[in-house]
Amino acid sequence: MTRTYSVYKGEQGGKIVYIGTTIQEPSARFRWHKANGKPFNFTVLSQHQTADEMLAEELRLIELHKPKHNKRTKQNLNVRLTAVQLQARRGDAQWCQCCLRRRVNKGYSRCMYCT
């Protein structure tokens, strides 16, 4: 199975309010957004062969449209964390203290995958 790198937009009231990327099946990613408070109309804009092409297109579209729901301008494509990064997260309440890879809500010490 080949991996597809997709760039998509979320529209609300005819305006682009979100630009995103995914390596999942786009419909699964859209469902996740809708379940997590982004009830936009999502559409795949383009599909690419490499992550670098996908991220370059995402950044270009974010700079062009300046969507109000995008919080960052770059994406970390699930790269492995270094030992230094993992050590820095140990004891930090915002990170899961089991896997050290996912953020947790205030008052929790483990993510939903590690409970």
C-alpha atoms as a PDB file:
ATOM      1  CA  MET A   1       0.000   0.000   0.000  1.00  0.00           C
ATOM      2  CA  THR A   2       1.386   3.381  -0.974  1.00  0.00           C
ATOM      3  CA  ARG A   3       1.045   6.369   1.300  1.00  0.00           C
ATOM      4  CA  THR A   4      -0.870   9.364  -0.032  1.00  0.00           C
ATOM      5  CA  TYR A   5      -0.059  12.817   1.263  1.00  0.00           C
ATOM      6  CA  SER A   6      -3.170  15.018   1.080  1.00  0.00           C
ATOM      7  CA  VAL A   7      -3.726  18.738   1.555  1.00  0.00           C
ATOM      8  CA  TYR A   8      -7.278  19.779   2.396  1.00  0.00           C
ATOM      9  CA  LYS A   9      -9.318  22.847   3.272  1.00  0.00           C
ATOM     10  CA  GLY A  10     -12.143  23.475   5.688  1.00  0.00           C
ATOM     11  CA  GLU A  11     -14.756  26.034   4.714  1.00  0.00           C
ATOM     12  CA  GLN A  12     -17.375  27.788   6.781  1.00  0.00           C
ATOM     13  CA  GLY A  13     -19.833  30.195   5.231  1.00  0.00           C
ATOM     14  CA  GLY A  14     -17.961  30.054   1.925  1.00  0.00           C
ATOM     15  CA  LYS A  15     -14.639  31.162   3.498  1.00  0.00           C
ATOM     16  CA  ILE A  16     -11.549  29.022   3.947  1.00  0.00           C
ATOM     17  CA  VAL A  17     -11.027  28.810   7.712  1.00  0.00           C
ATOM     18  CA  TYR A  18      -8.662  25.833   7.940  1.00  0.00           C
ATOM     19  CA  ILE A  19      -5.901  24.247   5.844  1.00  0.00           C
ATOM     20  CA  GLY A  20      -4.609  20.846   6.850  1.00  0.00           C
ATOM     21  CA  THR A  21      -2.610  17.830   5.790  1.00  0.00           C
ATOM     22  CA  THR A  22      -3.068  14.140   6.372  1.00  0.00           C
ATOM     23  CA  ILE A  23      -1.518  10.816   5.524  1.00  0.00           C
ATOM     24  CA  GLN A  24      -4.702   9.029   6.639  1.00  0.00           C
ATOM     25  CA  GLU A  25      -7.736   8.396   4.516  1.00  0.00           C
ATOM     26  CA  PRO A  26      -9.116  11.980   4.211  1.00  0.00           C
ATOM     27  CA  SER A  27     -12.666  10.996   5.199  1.00  0.00           C
ATOM     28  CA  ALA A  28     -11.364   9.549   8.481  1.00  0.00           C
ATOM     29  CA  ARG A  29      -9.485  12.766   9.193  1.00  0.00           C
ATOM     30  CA  PHE A  30     -12.574  14.855   8.408  1.00  0.00           C
ATOM     31  CA  ARG A  31     -14.652  12.762  10.838  1.00  0.00           C
ATOM     32  CA  TRP A  32     -12.033  13.306  13.520  1.00  0.00           C
ATOM     33  CA  HIS A  33     -12.135  17.092  13.006  1.00  0.00           C
ATOM     34  CA  LYS A  34     -15.933  17.165  13.162  1.00  0.00           C
ATOM     35  CA  ALA A  35     -15.928  15.107  16.367  1.00  0.00           C
ATOM     36  CA  ASN A  36     -13.386  17.507  17.881  1.00  0.00           C
ATOM     37  CA  GLY A  37     -15.103  20.843  17.309  1.00  0.00           C
ATOM     38  CA  LYS A  38     -14.338  21.758  13.694  1.00  0.00           C
ATOM     39  CA  PRO A  39     -17.656  21.272  11.866  1.00  0.00           C
ATOM     40  CA  PHE A  40     -16.390  22.679   8.591  1.00  0.00           C
ATOM     41  CA  ASN A  41     -17.052  21.536   5.032  1.00  0.00           C
ATOM     42  CA  PHE A  42     -13.844  19.715   4.141  1.00  0.00           C
ATOM     43  CA  THR A  43     -12.483  19.155   0.641  1.00  0.00           C
ATOM     44  CA  VAL A  44      -9.227  17.597  -0.542  1.00  0.00           C
ATOM     45  CA  LEU A  45      -7.300  20.175  -2.567  1.00  0.00           C
ATOM     46  CA  SER A  46      -4.338  18.113  -3.725  1.00  0.00           C
ATOM     47  CA  GLN A  47      -2.480  14.844  -3.229  1.00  0.00           C
ATOM     48  CA  HIS A  48       1.284  14.488  -3.361  1.00  0.00           C
ATOM     49  CA  GLN A  49       3.932  11.781  -3.622  1.00  0.00           C
ATOM     50  CA  THR A  50       6.165  13.081  -0.815  1.00  0.00           C
ATOM     51  CA  ALA A  51       5.717  14.700   2.580  1.00  0.00           C
ATOM     52  CA  ASP A  52       7.917  17.638   1.582  1.00  0.00           C
ATOM     53  CA  GLU A  53       5.659  18.490  -1.377  1.00  0.00           C
ATOM     54  CA  MET A  54       2.572  18.223   0.838  1.00  0.00           C
ATOM     55  CA  LEU A  55       4.007  20.468   3.563  1.00  0.00           C
ATOM     56  CA  ALA A  56       5.214  23.040   1.039  1.00  0.00           C
ATOM     57  CA  GLU A  57       1.730  23.250  -0.479  1.00  0.00           C
ATOM     58  CA  GLU A  58       0.123  23.519   2.976  1.00  0.00           C
ATOM     59  CA  LEU A  59       2.442  26.372   3.945  1.00  0.00           C
ATOM     60  CA  ARG A  60       1.810  28.154   0.633  1.00  0.00           C
ATOM     61  CA  LEU A  61      -1.965  27.933   1.137  1.00  0.00           C
ATOM     62  CA  ILE A  62      -1.775  29.069   4.767  1.00  0.00           C
ATOM     63  CA  GLU A  63       0.266  32.107   3.755  1.00  0.00           C
ATOM     64  CA  LEU A  64      -2.136  32.837   0.884  1.00  0.00           C
ATOM     65  CA  HIS A  65      -5.464  32.454   2.738  1.00  0.00           C
ATOM     66  CA  LYS A  66      -4.443  33.093   6.379  1.00  0.00           C
ATOM     67  CA  PRO A  67      -7.179  30.803   7.768  1.00  0.00           C
ATOM     68  CA  LYS A  68      -8.276  31.786  11.259  1.00  0.00           C
ATOM     69  CA  HIS A  69      -8.330  28.252  12.697  1.00  0.00           C
ATOM     70  CA  ASN A  70      -4.728  27.346  11.835  1.00  0.00           C
ATOM     71  CA  LYS A  71      -2.484  27.668  14.874  1.00  0.00           C
ATOM     72  CA  ARG A  72       0.862  26.893  13.301  1.00  0.00           C
ATOM     73  CA  THR A  73       2.502  27.278   9.974  1.00  0.00           C
ATOM     74  CA  LYS A  74       4.541  24.057   9.916  1.00  0.00           C
ATOM     75  CA  GLN A  75       3.761  20.438  10.651  1.00  0.00           C
ATOM     76  CA  ASN A  76       5.918  17.865  12.329  1.00  0.00           C
ATOM     77  CA  LEU A  77       5.252  14.763  10.234  1.00  0.00           C
ATOM     78  CA  ASN A  78       5.480  12.332  13.169  1.00  0.00           C
ATOM     79  CA  VAL A  79       9.251  12.257  13.242  1.00  0.00           C
ATOM     80  CA  ARG A  80      10.948  10.310  16.010  1.00  0.00           C
ATOM     81  CA  LEU A  81      11.734  12.303  19.113  1.00  0.00           C
ATOM     82  CA  THR A  82      15.315  12.482  20.263  1.00  0.00           C
ATOM     83  CA  ALA A  83      16.394  11.177  23.669  1.00  0.00           C
ATOM     84  CA  VAL A  84      16.864  14.789  24.800  1.00  0.00           C
ATOM     85  CA  GLN A  85      13.290  15.697  23.802  1.00  0.00           C
ATOM     86  CA  LEU A  86      11.883  12.637  25.566  1.00  0.00           C
ATOM     87  CA  GLN A  87      13.875  13.427  28.713  1.00  0.00           C
ATOM     88  CA  ALA A  88      12.619  17.032  28.681  1.00  0.00           C
ATOM     89  CA  ARG A  89       9.016  15.774  28.654  1.00  0.00           C
ATOM     90  CA  ARG A  90       9.517  13.508  31.657  1.00  0.00           C
ATOM     91  CA  GLY A  91       7.729  15.128  34.619  1.00  0.00           C
ATOM     92  CA  ASP A  92       6.048  17.778  32.430  1.00  0.00           C
ATOM     93  CA  ALA A  93       2.313  17.643  33.197  1.00  0.00           C
ATOM     94  CA  GLN A  94       1.244  18.507  29.636  1.00  0.00           C
ATOM     95  CA  TRP A  95       2.718  15.254  28.242  1.00  0.00           C
ATOM     96  CA  CYS A  96       1.577  11.656  28.787  1.00  0.00           C
ATOM     97  CA  GLN A  97       3.980  10.247  31.359  1.00  0.00           C
ATOM     98  CA  CYS A  98       3.687   6.728  29.947  1.00  0.00           C
ATOM     99  CA  CYS A  99       4.562   7.248  26.264  1.00  0.00           C
ATOM    100  CA  LEU A 100       5.841  10.882  26.425  1.00  0.00           C
ATOM    101  CA  ARG A 101       4.459  11.446  22.911  1.00  0.00           C
ATOM    102  CA  ARG A 102       0.922  12.796  23.343  1.00  0.00           C
ATOM    103  CA  ARG A 103      -0.440  15.803  25.193  1.00  0.00           C
ATOM    104  CA  VAL A 104      -2.878  15.204  28.033  1.00  0.00           C
ATOM    105  CA  ASN A 105      -5.665  17.317  29.504  1.00  0.00           C
ATOM    106  CA  LYS A 106      -5.095  19.105  32.799  1.00  0.00           C
ATOM    107  CA  GLY A 107      -5.441  16.726  35.742  1.00  0.00           C
ATOM    108  CA  TYR A 108      -4.454  13.615  33.764  1.00  0.00           C
ATOM    109  CA  SER A 109      -1.058  11.963  33.571  1.00  0.00           C
ATOM    110  CA  ARG A 110      -1.731   9.510  30.737  1.00  0.00           C
ATOM    111  CA  CYS A 111      -3.186   9.804  27.258  1.00  0.00           C
ATOM    112  CA  MET A 112      -6.224   7.803  26.193  1.00  0.00           C
ATOM    113  CA  TYR A 113      -3.998   5.298  24.374  1.00  0.00           C
ATOM    114  CA  CYS A 114      -1.934   4.480  27.466  1.00  0.00           C
ATOM    115  CA  THR A 115      -4.747   4.164  30.021  1.00  0.00           C
END
